[in-house]
């Protein structure tokens, strides 16, 4: 016999992480994102899973006169 789901709970579940993210401070959300990225890098076998790769600086565009 299938159990009947609470419609309010179903609606909240469909919001996904949006409702949870709204409750977090900017710093907490950033920290969780950073931890998730580090976990993905470690899982992928990155040689240095503690810091992201440094991007090369963008070349300055030549100005036209």
N, C-alpha and C. Protein backbone atom coordinates (compact mmCIF):
# COMPACT_ATOMS: atom_id res chain seq x y z
N UNK A 1 0.85 -1.17 0.00
CA UNK A 1 0.00 0.00 0.00
C UNK A 1 0.90 1.25 0.00
N UNK A 2 0.67 2.12 -0.91
CA UNK A 2 1.49 3.33 -1.02
C UNK A 2 1.07 4.34 0.04
N UNK A 3 2.07 4.98 0.63
CA UNK A 3 1.75 6.00 1.64
C UNK A 3 1.48 7.32 0.94
N UNK A 4 0.59 8.09 1.51
CA UNK A 4 0.26 9.38 0.94
C UNK A 4 1.28 10.41 1.42
N UNK A 5 1.84 11.16 0.49
CA UNK A 5 2.86 12.14 0.84
C UNK A 5 2.22 13.46 1.25
N UNK A 6 2.88 14.13 2.16
CA UNK A 6 2.44 15.43 2.60
C UNK A 6 2.70 16.43 1.47
N UNK A 7 1.67 17.10 0.93
CA UNK A 7 1.86 18.02 -0.19
C UNK A 7 2.84 19.16 0.13
N UNK A 8 2.85 19.61 1.37
CA UNK A 8 3.77 20.68 1.75
C UNK A 8 5.22 20.19 1.70
N UNK A 9 5.44 18.97 2.14
CA UNK A 9 6.79 18.40 2.12
C UNK A 9 7.25 18.20 0.68
N UNK A 10 6.35 17.77 -0.18
CA UNK A 10 6.69 17.57 -1.59
C UNK A 10 7.09 18.90 -2.22
N UNK A 11 6.32 19.95 -1.91
CA UNK A 11 6.61 21.27 -2.46
C UNK A 11 7.98 21.77 -1.98
N UNK A 12 8.29 21.58 -0.71
CA UNK A 12 9.58 21.98 -0.17
C UNK A 12 10.72 21.18 -0.81
N UNK A 13 10.48 19.91 -1.06
CA UNK A 13 11.49 19.06 -1.67
C UNK A 13 11.83 19.49 -3.08
N UNK A 14 10.85 20.03 -3.78
CA UNK A 14 11.08 20.47 -5.15
C UNK A 14 11.88 21.76 -5.22
N UNK A 15 11.96 22.47 -4.12
CA UNK A 15 12.76 23.69 -4.11
C UNK A 15 14.25 23.38 -4.19
N UNK A 16 14.62 22.17 -3.84
CA UNK A 16 16.01 21.78 -3.89
C UNK A 16 16.83 22.56 -2.88
N UNK A 17 18.02 22.95 -3.26
CA UNK A 17 18.92 23.64 -2.36
C UNK A 17 18.63 25.12 -2.22
N UNK A 18 17.70 25.64 -3.00
CA UNK A 18 17.42 27.08 -2.97
C UNK A 18 16.96 27.54 -1.60
N UNK A 19 16.02 26.80 -1.01
CA UNK A 19 15.49 27.20 0.30
C UNK A 19 16.58 27.13 1.36
N UNK A 20 17.41 26.10 1.28
CA UNK A 20 18.49 25.94 2.25
C UNK A 20 19.54 27.05 2.07
N UNK A 21 19.85 27.35 0.83
CA UNK A 21 20.85 28.38 0.54
C UNK A 21 20.40 29.75 1.03
N UNK A 22 19.11 30.01 0.99
CA UNK A 22 18.59 31.30 1.45
C UNK A 22 18.79 31.48 2.95
N UNK A 23 18.84 30.37 3.69
CA UNK A 23 18.99 30.44 5.14
C UNK A 23 20.44 30.63 5.57
N UNK A 24 21.39 30.32 4.68
CA UNK A 24 22.80 30.41 5.03
C UNK A 24 23.33 31.82 4.80
N UNK A 25 24.33 32.18 5.60
CA UNK A 25 24.98 33.47 5.37
C UNK A 25 25.86 33.32 4.13
N UNK A 26 26.30 34.42 3.60
CA UNK A 26 27.15 34.40 2.42
C UNK A 26 28.44 33.62 2.68
N UNK A 27 29.01 33.80 3.87
CA UNK A 27 30.26 33.11 4.22
C UNK A 27 30.04 31.60 4.33
N UNK A 28 28.91 31.19 4.95
CA UNK A 28 28.63 29.77 5.10
C UNK A 28 28.42 29.10 3.74
N UNK A 29 27.71 29.79 2.87
CA UNK A 29 27.44 29.25 1.55
C UNK A 29 28.75 29.12 0.76
N UNK A 30 29.61 30.11 0.87
CA UNK A 30 30.90 30.08 0.19
C UNK A 30 31.76 28.94 0.72
N UNK A 31 31.77 28.76 2.02
CA UNK A 31 32.57 27.69 2.63
C UNK A 31 32.08 26.32 2.17
N UNK A 32 30.78 26.13 2.12
CA UNK A 32 30.24 24.85 1.68
C UNK A 32 30.56 24.59 0.22
N UNK A 33 30.50 25.62 -0.59
CA UNK A 33 30.85 25.48 -2.00
C UNK A 33 32.31 25.12 -2.17
N UNK A 34 33.17 25.79 -1.40
CA UNK A 34 34.61 25.51 -1.46
C UNK A 34 34.89 24.06 -1.04
N UNK A 35 34.23 23.60 0.02
CA UNK A 35 34.42 22.23 0.48
C UNK A 35 33.96 21.23 -0.57
N UNK A 36 32.88 21.53 -1.26
CA UNK A 36 32.37 20.64 -2.30
C UNK A 36 33.36 20.55 -3.46
N UNK A 37 33.94 21.67 -3.84
CA UNK A 37 34.91 21.68 -4.94
C UNK A 37 36.15 20.89 -4.55
N UNK A 38 36.63 21.09 -3.33
CA UNK A 38 37.81 20.37 -2.87
C UNK A 38 37.55 18.86 -2.85
N UNK A 39 36.35 18.47 -2.45
CA UNK A 39 36.01 17.05 -2.43
C UNK A 39 35.99 16.48 -3.84
N UNK A 40 35.47 17.26 -4.81
CA UNK A 40 35.45 16.79 -6.19
C UNK A 40 36.86 16.65 -6.75
N UNK A 41 37.71 17.63 -6.43
CA UNK A 41 39.11 17.56 -6.91
C UNK A 41 39.82 16.36 -6.31
N UNK A 42 39.61 16.12 -5.03
CA UNK A 42 40.26 14.98 -4.37
C UNK A 42 39.76 13.67 -4.98
N UNK A 43 38.48 13.59 -5.27
CA UNK A 43 37.91 12.39 -5.86
C UNK A 43 38.46 12.16 -7.26
N UNK A 44 38.69 13.24 -8.00
CA UNK A 44 39.20 13.13 -9.36
C UNK A 44 40.69 12.84 -9.38
N UNK A 45 41.35 12.89 -8.21
CA UNK A 45 42.77 12.58 -8.15
C UNK A 45 43.65 13.76 -8.53
N UNK A 46 43.18 14.96 -8.29
CA UNK A 46 43.99 16.14 -8.59
C UNK A 46 45.26 16.09 -7.75
N UNK A 47 46.38 16.49 -8.35
CA UNK A 47 47.65 16.42 -7.63
C UNK A 47 47.69 17.35 -6.43
N UNK A 48 47.01 18.46 -6.49
CA UNK A 48 46.98 19.40 -5.37
C UNK A 48 45.52 19.74 -5.10
N UNK A 49 44.89 18.97 -4.24
CA UNK A 49 43.45 19.13 -4.01
C UNK A 49 43.15 20.13 -2.91
N UNK A 50 44.12 20.95 -2.54
CA UNK A 50 43.86 21.93 -1.49
C UNK A 50 43.65 23.32 -2.06
N UNK A 51 44.09 23.56 -3.27
CA UNK A 51 43.93 24.88 -3.88
C UNK A 51 43.56 24.72 -5.35
N UNK A 52 42.76 25.63 -5.85
CA UNK A 52 42.45 25.58 -7.28
C UNK A 52 43.68 25.96 -8.09
N UNK A 53 43.69 25.55 -9.34
CA UNK A 53 44.79 25.93 -10.21
C UNK A 53 44.74 27.43 -10.43
N UNK A 54 45.90 28.03 -10.45
CA UNK A 54 45.97 29.47 -10.68
C UNK A 54 45.79 29.73 -12.16
N UNK A 55 44.95 30.66 -12.47
CA UNK A 55 44.73 31.01 -13.87
C UNK A 55 45.82 31.96 -14.34
N UNK A 56 46.17 31.82 -15.58
CA UNK A 56 47.15 32.73 -16.15
C UNK A 56 46.48 34.10 -16.28
N UNK A 57 47.22 35.17 -16.03
CA UNK A 57 46.61 36.50 -16.16
C UNK A 57 46.21 36.75 -17.60
N UNK A 58 45.09 37.44 -17.74
CA UNK A 58 44.60 37.75 -19.08
C UNK A 58 45.52 38.79 -19.72
N UNK A 59 45.74 38.60 -21.01
CA UNK A 59 46.57 39.55 -21.74
C UNK A 59 45.83 40.88 -21.87
N UNK A 60 46.55 41.93 -21.68
CA UNK A 60 45.95 43.26 -21.81
C UNK A 60 45.62 43.51 -23.27
N UNK A 61 44.44 44.04 -23.51
CA UNK A 61 44.06 44.35 -24.88
C UNK A 61 44.79 45.61 -25.34
N UNK A 62 45.23 45.57 -26.56
CA UNK A 62 45.92 46.73 -27.11
C UNK A 62 44.89 47.83 -27.39
N UNK A 63 45.22 49.00 -26.98
CA UNK A 63 44.31 50.13 -27.22
C UNK A 63 44.53 50.70 -28.59
N UNK A 64 43.44 51.02 -29.25
CA UNK A 64 43.53 51.66 -30.56
C UNK A 64 43.44 53.16 -30.36
N UNK A 65 44.26 53.87 -31.07
CA UNK A 65 44.24 55.33 -30.95
C UNK A 65 43.64 55.98 -32.14
